[in-house]
C-alpha cells in the first residue's frame, strides 16, 4: 500500500525552491488531494492512515498513491507497525514537507491577497 521508510533507503530529491520561477508553485503540493493531505499533516505531529482517509475523503487507493508521491518527494515519512496485532501506518510531515507547504501557503496568500475585493 504505502511505501515504508526503511533504513538506508532515501526518497529522491525535489527541485529546490530557489531553482523555480518566482510565479511557479510546487505542483506536487498544488494537486487538491495532496494539498488536503499536507494541510491535515501540517497541524498535527503525525497521523495514522485511517485518520487521513476520513479527513480527506479519499479512497484507500487514492490515499496510497498520493502518499507514495509525497514520500518519493521527501515530504512525508511513512512508518508501518503493529499495535495489538493490528497493522498501523503512521504518516508524518518532514521538515522539507513543512517548508514546501508553508511556501505554497505563502505564495497563495500573496497571490490572492493582491486581488481586488
N, C-alpha and C. Protein backbone atom coordinates (compact mmCIF):
# COMPACT_ATOMS: atom_id res chain seq x y z
N UNK A 1 0.83 -1.19 0.00
CA UNK A 1 0.00 0.00 0.00
C UNK A 1 0.87 1.25 0.00
N UNK A 2 1.43 1.67 1.13
CA UNK A 2 2.27 2.84 1.19
C UNK A 2 3.73 2.40 1.22
N UNK A 3 4.58 3.21 0.64
CA UNK A 3 6.00 2.89 0.65
C UNK A 3 6.55 3.11 2.05
N UNK A 4 6.98 2.06 2.73
CA UNK A 4 7.51 2.23 4.08
C UNK A 4 8.91 2.82 4.04
N UNK A 5 9.24 3.51 5.07
CA UNK A 5 10.59 4.05 5.19
C UNK A 5 11.45 2.96 5.81
N UNK A 6 12.54 2.64 5.14
CA UNK A 6 13.44 1.65 5.68
C UNK A 6 14.81 2.25 5.81
N UNK A 7 15.59 1.70 6.71
CA UNK A 7 16.91 2.23 6.95
C UNK A 7 17.77 2.11 5.69
N UNK A 8 18.51 3.15 5.40
CA UNK A 8 19.40 3.15 4.24
C UNK A 8 18.72 3.50 2.94
N UNK A 9 17.40 3.65 2.94
CA UNK A 9 16.67 3.98 1.72
C UNK A 9 16.20 5.42 1.83
N UNK A 10 16.54 6.21 0.84
CA UNK A 10 16.09 7.60 0.88
C UNK A 10 15.25 7.91 -0.34
N UNK A 11 14.33 8.83 -0.14
CA UNK A 11 13.46 9.25 -1.24
C UNK A 11 14.25 10.16 -2.17
N UNK A 12 13.87 10.22 -3.46
CA UNK A 12 14.55 11.10 -4.40
C UNK A 12 14.41 12.56 -3.98
N UNK A 13 15.38 13.36 -4.38
CA UNK A 13 15.33 14.78 -4.04
C UNK A 13 14.39 15.54 -4.95
N UNK A 14 13.87 16.65 -4.42
CA UNK A 14 12.94 17.51 -5.14
C UNK A 14 13.70 18.74 -5.62
N UNK A 15 13.22 19.33 -6.69
CA UNK A 15 13.82 20.55 -7.21
C UNK A 15 13.80 21.63 -6.14
N UNK A 16 14.96 22.23 -5.80
CA UNK A 16 14.97 23.27 -4.77
C UNK A 16 14.10 24.45 -5.17
N UNK A 17 13.46 25.05 -4.16
CA UNK A 17 12.56 26.17 -4.43
C UNK A 17 13.29 27.31 -5.13
N UNK A 18 14.57 27.51 -4.80
CA UNK A 18 15.33 28.61 -5.38
C UNK A 18 15.52 28.45 -6.89
N UNK A 19 15.37 27.21 -7.42
CA UNK A 19 15.53 26.97 -8.85
C UNK A 19 14.25 27.19 -9.64
N UNK A 20 13.14 27.43 -8.96
CA UNK A 20 11.86 27.64 -9.63
C UNK A 20 11.64 29.10 -9.94
N UNK A 21 10.86 29.35 -10.99
CA UNK A 21 10.48 30.73 -11.32
C UNK A 21 9.65 31.28 -10.16
N UNK A 22 9.73 32.60 -9.90
CA UNK A 22 9.03 33.18 -8.74
C UNK A 22 7.51 32.99 -8.78
N UNK A 23 6.92 32.84 -9.95
CA UNK A 23 5.46 32.69 -10.05
C UNK A 23 5.04 31.22 -10.03
N UNK A 24 5.99 30.32 -10.09
CA UNK A 24 5.67 28.89 -10.17
C UNK A 24 5.41 28.32 -8.77
N UNK A 25 4.33 27.58 -8.65
CA UNK A 25 4.04 26.90 -7.38
C UNK A 25 4.49 25.45 -7.49
N UNK A 26 4.68 24.84 -6.36
CA UNK A 26 5.05 23.43 -6.31
C UNK A 26 3.84 22.61 -6.74
N UNK A 27 3.90 22.04 -7.93
CA UNK A 27 2.75 21.30 -8.47
C UNK A 27 2.46 20.04 -7.68
N UNK A 28 3.46 19.52 -7.00
CA UNK A 28 3.23 18.37 -6.16
C UNK A 28 2.28 18.74 -5.01
N UNK A 29 2.44 19.93 -4.46
CA UNK A 29 1.59 20.41 -3.37
C UNK A 29 0.26 20.92 -3.91
N UNK A 30 0.27 21.50 -5.09
CA UNK A 30 -0.90 22.18 -5.66
C UNK A 30 -2.04 21.21 -5.99
N UNK A 31 -1.75 19.95 -6.22
CA UNK A 31 -2.80 18.97 -6.54
C UNK A 31 -3.74 18.85 -5.34
N UNK A 32 -5.07 18.97 -5.55
CA UNK A 32 -6.02 19.06 -4.43
C UNK A 32 -5.93 17.95 -3.38
N UNK A 33 -5.79 16.71 -3.79
CA UNK A 33 -5.74 15.61 -2.81
C UNK A 33 -4.47 15.71 -1.96
N UNK A 34 -3.34 16.00 -2.61
CA UNK A 34 -2.09 16.11 -1.86
C UNK A 34 -2.10 17.35 -0.98
N UNK A 35 -2.72 18.42 -1.44
CA UNK A 35 -2.85 19.62 -0.62
C UNK A 35 -3.67 19.31 0.64
N UNK A 36 -4.73 18.54 0.49
CA UNK A 36 -5.55 18.16 1.65
C UNK A 36 -4.75 17.30 2.63
N UNK A 37 -3.96 16.37 2.11
CA UNK A 37 -3.13 15.53 2.97
C UNK A 37 -2.12 16.39 3.72
N UNK A 38 -1.42 17.26 3.00
CA UNK A 38 -0.40 18.10 3.63
C UNK A 38 -1.01 19.06 4.65
N UNK A 39 -2.17 19.64 4.32
CA UNK A 39 -2.82 20.56 5.25
C UNK A 39 -3.21 19.84 6.54
N UNK A 40 -3.69 18.62 6.43
CA UNK A 40 -4.04 17.85 7.63
C UNK A 40 -2.80 17.49 8.45
N UNK A 41 -1.72 17.14 7.77
CA UNK A 41 -0.49 16.77 8.48
C UNK A 41 0.20 17.99 9.07
N UNK A 42 0.00 19.16 8.49
CA UNK A 42 0.67 20.38 8.93
C UNK A 42 0.29 20.74 10.37
N UNK A 43 -0.92 20.41 10.78
CA UNK A 43 -1.41 20.84 12.09
C UNK A 43 -1.29 19.75 13.17
N UNK A 44 -0.71 18.61 12.83
CA UNK A 44 -0.51 17.54 13.81
C UNK A 44 0.94 17.06 13.74
N UNK A 45 1.37 16.38 14.80
CA UNK A 45 2.72 15.83 14.80
C UNK A 45 2.84 14.66 13.83
N UNK A 46 1.82 13.79 13.85
CA UNK A 46 1.74 12.67 12.91
C UNK A 46 0.29 12.21 12.90
N UNK A 47 -0.05 11.39 11.92
CA UNK A 47 -1.43 10.90 11.80
C UNK A 47 -1.40 9.49 11.25
N UNK A 48 -2.40 8.70 11.67
CA UNK A 48 -2.48 7.37 11.07
C UNK A 48 -3.26 7.45 9.76
N UNK A 49 -3.09 6.45 8.95
CA UNK A 49 -3.68 6.44 7.61
C UNK A 49 -5.21 6.52 7.67
N UNK A 50 -5.81 5.90 8.66
CA UNK A 50 -7.27 5.92 8.77
C UNK A 50 -7.77 7.35 9.04
N UNK A 51 -7.06 8.07 9.87
CA UNK A 51 -7.41 9.48 10.14
C UNK A 51 -7.36 10.28 8.84
N UNK A 52 -6.28 10.13 8.08
CA UNK A 52 -6.16 10.87 6.81
C UNK A 52 -7.24 10.46 5.82
N UNK A 53 -7.56 9.18 5.81
CA UNK A 53 -8.61 8.68 4.93
C UNK A 53 -9.93 9.38 5.23
N UNK A 54 -10.27 9.48 6.51
CA UNK A 54 -11.52 10.14 6.91
C UNK A 54 -11.49 11.64 6.64
N UNK A 55 -10.39 12.28 6.96
CA UNK A 55 -10.29 13.73 6.81
C UNK A 55 -10.32 14.17 5.35
N UNK A 56 -9.67 13.41 4.49
CA UNK A 56 -9.56 13.81 3.09
C UNK A 56 -10.69 13.26 2.23
N UNK A 57 -11.39 12.25 2.74
CA UNK A 57 -12.47 11.57 1.99
C UNK A 57 -11.97 10.93 0.70
N UNK A 58 -10.70 10.53 0.69
CA UNK A 58 -10.12 9.81 -0.44
C UNK A 58 -10.41 8.32 -0.27
N UNK A 59 -10.24 7.56 -1.33
CA UNK A 59 -10.30 6.11 -1.23
C UNK A 59 -8.93 5.62 -0.76
N UNK A 60 -8.87 4.36 -0.32
CA UNK A 60 -7.58 3.81 0.10
C UNK A 60 -6.56 3.87 -1.04
N UNK A 61 -7.02 3.54 -2.25
CA UNK A 61 -6.11 3.55 -3.40
C UNK A 61 -5.57 4.93 -3.71
N UNK A 62 -6.46 5.94 -3.69
CA UNK A 62 -6.02 7.31 -3.94
C UNK A 62 -5.08 7.80 -2.85
N UNK A 63 -5.44 7.54 -1.60
CA UNK A 63 -4.58 7.97 -0.49
C UNK A 63 -3.20 7.34 -0.62
N UNK A 64 -3.17 6.06 -0.91
CA UNK A 64 -1.91 5.35 -1.07
C UNK A 64 -1.07 5.96 -2.19
N UNK A 65 -1.69 6.22 -3.32
CA UNK A 65 -0.98 6.77 -4.48
C UNK A 65 -0.40 8.15 -4.17
N UNK A 66 -1.20 9.00 -3.55
CA UNK A 66 -0.73 10.36 -3.24
C UNK A 66 0.33 10.36 -2.14
N UNK A 67 0.17 9.48 -1.15
CA UNK A 67 1.20 9.39 -0.11
C UNK A 67 2.51 8.90 -0.69
N UNK A 68 2.44 7.99 -1.65
CA UNK A 68 3.66 7.50 -2.28
C UNK A 68 4.39 8.63 -3.00
N UNK A 69 3.65 9.48 -3.69
CA UNK A 69 4.28 10.62 -4.38
C UNK A 69 4.90 11.59 -3.39
N UNK A 70 4.20 11.84 -2.29
CA UNK A 70 4.73 12.74 -1.27
C UNK A 70 5.96 12.13 -0.60
N UNK A 71 5.94 10.81 -0.40
CA UNK A 71 7.09 10.12 0.19
C UNK A 71 8.29 10.19 -0.76
N UNK A 72 8.05 9.94 -2.04
CA UNK A 72 9.14 10.00 -3.02
C UNK A 72 9.78 11.38 -3.07
N UNK A 73 8.98 12.42 -2.84
CA UNK A 73 9.49 13.79 -2.84
C UNK A 73 10.19 14.14 -1.54
N UNK A 74 10.09 13.27 -0.55
CA UNK A 74 10.70 13.54 0.74
C UNK A 74 9.85 14.44 1.63
N UNK A 75 8.57 14.58 1.30
CA UNK A 75 7.68 15.46 2.06
C UNK A 75 7.04 14.76 3.25
N UNK A 76 6.94 13.43 3.23
CA UNK A 76 6.38 12.69 4.36
C UNK A 76 7.23 11.46 4.64
N UNK A 77 7.11 10.99 5.88
CA UNK A 77 7.66 9.68 6.23
C UNK A 77 6.47 8.77 6.50
N UNK A 78 6.63 7.51 6.17
CA UNK A 78 5.58 6.52 6.39
C UNK A 78 6.20 5.41 7.23
N UNK A 79 5.60 5.17 8.40
CA UNK A 79 6.11 4.15 9.30
C UNK A 79 5.02 3.12 9.56
N UNK A 80 5.34 1.87 9.26
CA UNK A 80 4.38 0.79 9.47
C UNK A 80 4.77 0.00 10.71
N UNK A 81 3.75 -0.35 11.50
CA UNK A 81 3.99 -1.16 12.69
C UNK A 81 2.72 -1.94 13.01
N UNK A 82 2.77 -2.67 14.13
CA UNK A 82 1.60 -3.40 14.60
C UNK A 82 1.27 -2.92 16.01
N UNK A 83 0.00 -2.69 16.27
CA UNK A 83 -0.49 -2.34 17.60
C UNK A 83 -1.58 -3.35 17.94
N UNK A 84 -1.37 -4.09 19.02
CA UNK A 84 -2.30 -5.16 19.39
C UNK A 84 -2.56 -6.10 18.20
N UNK A 85 -1.50 -6.48 17.51
CA UNK A 85 -1.54 -7.39 16.36
C UNK A 85 -2.30 -6.83 15.16
N UNK A 86 -2.58 -5.55 15.15
CA UNK A 86 -3.23 -4.91 14.01
C UNK A 86 -2.25 -3.97 13.33
N UNK A 87 -2.25 -3.96 11.99
CA UNK A 87 -1.32 -3.06 11.29
C UNK A 87 -1.69 -1.60 11.51
N UNK A 88 -0.66 -0.77 11.70
CA UNK A 88 -0.86 0.66 11.85
C UNK A 88 0.16 1.37 10.96
N UNK A 89 -0.34 2.30 10.15
CA UNK A 89 0.52 3.09 9.28
C UNK A 89 0.46 4.54 9.76
N UNK A 90 1.60 5.05 10.18
CA UNK A 90 1.68 6.44 10.66
C UNK A 90 2.41 7.28 9.62
N UNK A 91 1.87 8.47 9.40
CA UNK A 91 2.44 9.39 8.41
C UNK A 91 2.82 10.68 9.13
N UNK A 92 3.98 11.19 8.79
CA UNK A 92 4.48 12.42 9.41
C UNK A 92 5.05 13.34 8.33
N UNK A 93 4.80 14.61 8.47
CA UNK A 93 5.35 15.60 7.57
C UNK A 93 6.82 15.81 7.92
N UNK A 94 7.70 15.78 6.94
CA UNK A 94 9.12 16.01 7.17
C UNK A 94 9.40 17.52 7.18
N UNK A 95 10.57 17.95 7.66
CA UNK A 95 10.90 19.38 7.59
C UNK A 95 10.81 19.94 6.16
N UNK A 96 11.30 19.22 5.13
CA UNK A 96 11.12 19.75 3.77
C UNK A 96 9.64 19.80 3.36
N UNK A 97 8.84 18.86 3.85
CA UNK A 97 7.40 18.88 3.57
C UNK A 97 6.73 20.07 4.22
N UNK A 98 7.11 20.37 5.47
CA UNK A 98 6.58 21.55 6.15
C UNK A 98 6.97 22.83 5.42
N UNK A 99 8.22 22.88 4.99
CA UNK A 99 8.70 24.07 4.27
C UNK A 99 7.95 24.23 2.94
N UNK A 100 7.73 23.13 2.24
CA UNK A 100 7.02 23.18 0.95
C UNK A 100 5.58 23.65 1.15
N UNK A 101 4.93 23.15 2.20
CA UNK A 101 3.54 23.56 2.47
C UNK A 101 3.50 25.04 2.86
N UNK A 102 4.42 25.46 3.73
CA UNK A 102 4.48 26.87 4.15
C UNK A 102 4.71 27.78 2.96
N UNK A 103 5.64 27.40 2.10
CA UNK A 103 5.96 28.20 0.91
C UNK A 103 4.74 28.30 0.00
N UNK A 104 4.07 27.18 -0.23
CA UNK A 104 2.88 27.16 -1.07
C UNK A 104 1.80 28.06 -0.47
N UNK A 105 1.56 27.91 0.82
CA UNK A 105 0.55 28.73 1.51
C UNK A 105 0.88 30.22 1.37
N UNK A 106 2.14 30.58 1.58
CA UNK A 106 2.54 31.99 1.47
C UNK A 106 2.36 32.51 0.05
N UNK A 107 2.72 31.69 -0.95
CA UNK A 107 2.55 32.10 -2.35
C UNK A 107 1.08 32.33 -2.68
N UNK A 108 0.22 31.42 -2.22
CA UNK A 108 -1.21 31.56 -2.49
C UNK A 108 -1.79 32.79 -1.78
N UNK A 109 -1.38 33.01 -0.54
CA UNK A 109 -1.88 34.17 0.21
C UNK A 109 -1.44 35.48 -0.46
N UNK A 110 -0.20 35.51 -0.92
CA UNK A 110 0.29 36.72 -1.60
C UNK A 110 -0.45 36.93 -2.91
N UNK A 111 -0.60 35.87 -3.68
CA UNK A 111 -1.27 35.99 -4.99
C UNK A 111 -2.74 36.38 -4.82
N UNK A 112 -3.43 35.72 -3.91
CA UNK A 112 -4.85 36.00 -3.73
C UNK A 112 -5.10 37.30 -2.96
N UNK A 113 -4.16 37.65 -2.10
CA UNK A 113 -4.30 38.88 -1.32
C UNK A 113 -4.19 40.13 -2.17
N UNK A 114 -3.55 40.02 -3.33
CA UNK A 114 -3.37 41.18 -4.19
C UNK A 114 -4.57 41.41 -5.15
N UNK A 115 -5.51 40.47 -5.14
CA UNK A 115 -6.68 40.60 -6.00
C UNK A 115 -7.65 41.63 -5.41
N UNK A 116 -8.32 42.39 -6.27
CA UNK A 116 -9.30 43.35 -5.74
C UNK A 116 -10.48 42.60 -5.09
N UNK A 117 -10.99 43.16 -4.02
CA UNK A 117 -12.06 42.51 -3.27
C UNK A 117 -13.37 42.96 -3.70
